[in-house]
C-alpha atoms as a PDB file:
ATOM      1  CA  MET A   1      -1.142 -54.904   6.359  1.00  0.00           C
ATOM      2  CA  SER A   2      -2.057 -51.868   8.312  1.00  0.00           C
ATOM      3  CA  GLU A   3      -5.263 -50.025   7.620  1.00  0.00           C
ATOM      4  CA  PRO A   4      -5.168 -46.292   6.851  1.00  0.00           C
ATOM      5  CA  ARG A   5      -6.286 -44.147   9.756  1.00  0.00           C
ATOM      6  CA  LYS A   6      -9.617 -42.478   9.205  1.00  0.00           C
ATOM      7  CA  SER A   7      -9.701 -40.286  12.291  1.00  0.00           C
ATOM      8  CA  LEU A   8      -7.715 -37.191  13.068  1.00  0.00           C
ATOM      9  CA  GLY A   9      -4.931 -37.641  15.503  1.00  0.00           C
ATOM     10  CA  LEU A  10      -4.607 -35.666  18.680  1.00  0.00           C
ATOM     11  CA  GLY A  11      -1.698 -33.675  17.214  1.00  0.00           C
ATOM     12  CA  ALA A  12      -3.718 -32.506  14.225  1.00  0.00           C
ATOM     13  CA  LEU A  13      -6.577 -31.575  16.513  1.00  0.00           C
ATOM     14  CA  VAL A  14      -4.237 -29.438  18.624  1.00  0.00           C
ATOM     15  CA  LEU A  15      -2.606 -27.782  15.603  1.00  0.00           C
ATOM     16  CA  LEU A  16      -5.916 -26.727  14.027  1.00  0.00           C
ATOM     17  CA  PRO A  17      -6.768 -23.960  16.543  1.00  0.00           C
ATOM     18  CA  LEU A  18      -3.159 -22.772  16.540  1.00  0.00           C
ATOM     19  CA  ALA A  19      -3.162 -22.444  12.763  1.00  0.00           C
ATOM     20  CA  CYS A  20      -6.461 -20.593  12.813  1.00  0.00           C
ATOM     21  CA  CYS A  21      -5.362 -18.244  15.577  1.00  0.00           C
ATOM     22  CA  ALA A  22      -2.081 -17.526  13.823  1.00  0.00           C
ATOM     23  CA  ALA A  23      -3.801 -16.837  10.507  1.00  0.00           C
ATOM     24  CA  LEU A  24      -6.642 -14.746  11.937  1.00  0.00           C
ATOM     25  CA  PRO A  25      -4.539 -11.625  12.652  1.00  0.00           C
ATOM     26  CA  LEU A  26      -3.030 -11.873   9.182  1.00  0.00           C
ATOM     27  CA  ILE A  27      -6.468 -12.084   7.594  1.00  0.00           C
ATOM     28  CA  LEU A  28      -7.722  -9.176   9.666  1.00  0.00           C
ATOM     29  CA  ALA A  29      -4.666  -7.083   8.822  1.00  0.00           C
ATOM     30  CA  ALA A  30      -5.108  -7.789   5.124  1.00  0.00           C
ATOM     31  CA  GLY A  31      -8.783  -6.875   5.342  1.00  0.00           C
ATOM     32  CA  LEU A  32      -8.103  -3.679   7.247  1.00  0.00           C
ATOM     33  CA  SER A  33      -5.329  -2.638   4.908  1.00  0.00           C
ATOM     34  CA  ALA A  34      -7.540  -3.284   1.880  1.00  0.00           C
ATOM     35  CA  ALA A  35     -10.356  -1.251   3.434  1.00  0.00           C
ATOM     36  CA  LEU A  36      -7.950   1.525   4.362  1.00  0.00           C
ATOM     37  CA  LEU A  37      -6.480   1.509   0.869  1.00  0.00           C
ATOM     38  CA  ALA A  38      -9.954   1.756  -0.668  1.00  0.00           C
ATOM     39  CA  TRP A  39     -10.899   4.590   1.700  1.00  0.00           C
ATOM     40  CA  VAL A  40      -7.717   6.552   0.987  1.00  0.00           C
ATOM     41  CA  GLY A  41      -8.084   5.929  -2.746  1.00  0.00           C
ATOM     42  CA  GLY A  42     -11.646   7.223  -2.674  1.00  0.00           C
ATOM     43  CA  LEU A  43     -10.568  10.250  -0.703  1.00  0.00           C
ATOM     44  CA  ALA A  44      -7.776  10.982  -3.186  1.00  0.00           C
ATOM     45  CA  ALA A  45     -10.148  10.599  -6.140  1.00  0.00           C
ATOM     46  CA  GLY A  46     -12.582  12.991  -4.462  1.00  0.00           C
ATOM     47  CA  VAL A  47      -9.859  15.574  -3.874  1.00  0.00           C
ATOM     48  CA  ILE A  48      -8.741  15.326  -7.504  1.00  0.00           C
ATOM     49  CA  ALA A  49     -12.324  15.653  -8.754  1.00  0.00           C
ATOM     50  CA  LEU A  50     -12.907  18.662  -6.506  1.00  0.00           C
ATOM     51  CA  GLY A  51      -9.713  20.265  -7.798  1.00  0.00           C
ATOM     52  CA  VAL A  52     -10.863  19.790 -11.394  1.00  0.00           C
ATOM     53  CA  VAL A  53     -14.316  21.203 -10.633  1.00  0.00           C
ATOM     54  CA  VAL A  54     -12.793  24.260  -8.983  1.00  0.00           C
ATOM     55  CA  ALA A  55      -9.980  24.799 -11.506  1.00  0.00           C
ATOM     56  CA  LEU A  56     -12.014  24.370 -14.705  1.00  0.00           C
ATOM     57  CA  PRO A  57     -14.142  27.540 -14.355  1.00  0.00           C
ATOM     58  CA  VAL A  58     -11.075  29.535 -13.283  1.00  0.00           C
ATOM     59  CA  VAL A  59      -9.081  28.402 -16.321  1.00  0.00           C
ATOM     60  CA  ARG A  60     -12.009  29.069 -18.662  1.00  0.00           C
ATOM     61  CA  ALA A  61     -12.595  32.536 -17.211  1.00  0.00           C
ATOM     62  CA  ARG A  62      -8.935  33.484 -17.601  1.00  0.00           C
ATOM     63  CA  GLY A  63      -8.792  32.012 -21.093  1.00  0.00           C
ATOM     64  CA  VAL A  64     -11.781  34.023 -22.350  1.00  0.00           C
ATOM     65  CA  ASP A  65     -10.268  37.305 -21.134  1.00  0.00           C
ATOM     66  CA  ARG A  66      -6.937  36.644 -22.830  1.00  0.00           C
ATOM     67  CA  LEU A  67      -8.226  35.569 -26.242  1.00  0.00           C
ATOM     68  CA  PRO A  68      -7.913  38.267 -28.907  1.00  0.00           C
ATOM     69  CA  SER A  69     -11.126  39.239 -30.606  1.00  0.00           C
ATOM     70  CA  ARG A  70     -11.350  38.312 -34.304  1.00  0.00           C
ATOM     71  CA  SER A  71     -14.398  40.195 -35.470  1.00  0.00           C
ATOM     72  CA  PRO A  72     -14.640  41.354 -39.119  1.00  0.00           C
ATOM     73  CA  ARG A  73     -14.897  45.016 -38.008  1.00  0.00           C
ATOM     74  CA  GLN A  74     -11.476  44.963 -36.365  1.00  0.00           C
ATOM     75  CA  GLY A  75      -9.795  43.249 -39.249  1.00  0.00           C
ATOM     76  CA  GLY A  76      -7.599  40.278 -38.679  1.00  0.00           C
ATOM     77  CA  ALA A  77      -6.112  37.387 -40.541  1.00  0.00           C
ATOM     78  CA  LEU A  78      -9.240  36.791 -42.633  1.00  0.00           C
ATOM     79  CA  LEU A  79      -9.261  40.277 -44.222  1.00  0.00           C
ATOM     80  CA  ASP A  80      -5.522  40.618 -44.832  1.00  0.00           C
ATOM     81  CA  ARG A  81      -5.564  38.743 -48.145  1.00  0.00           C
END
């Protein structure tokens, strides 16, 4: 019977650096794209938050000016009964 080989063959030893070198650009590209995606996502979230911070006081200021006054002196729905 033949014994199982316990050492790596020359072919496997040659293929190991090739596999690593072929996978390294893929790993780097995935890492860069994930970092870029996180950076762009953070930038978009910041722009949205800034838009809300700027728009909220403007909307509130316009809303207060347009609301009709309902004081008891001017009458209104409460005194019409």
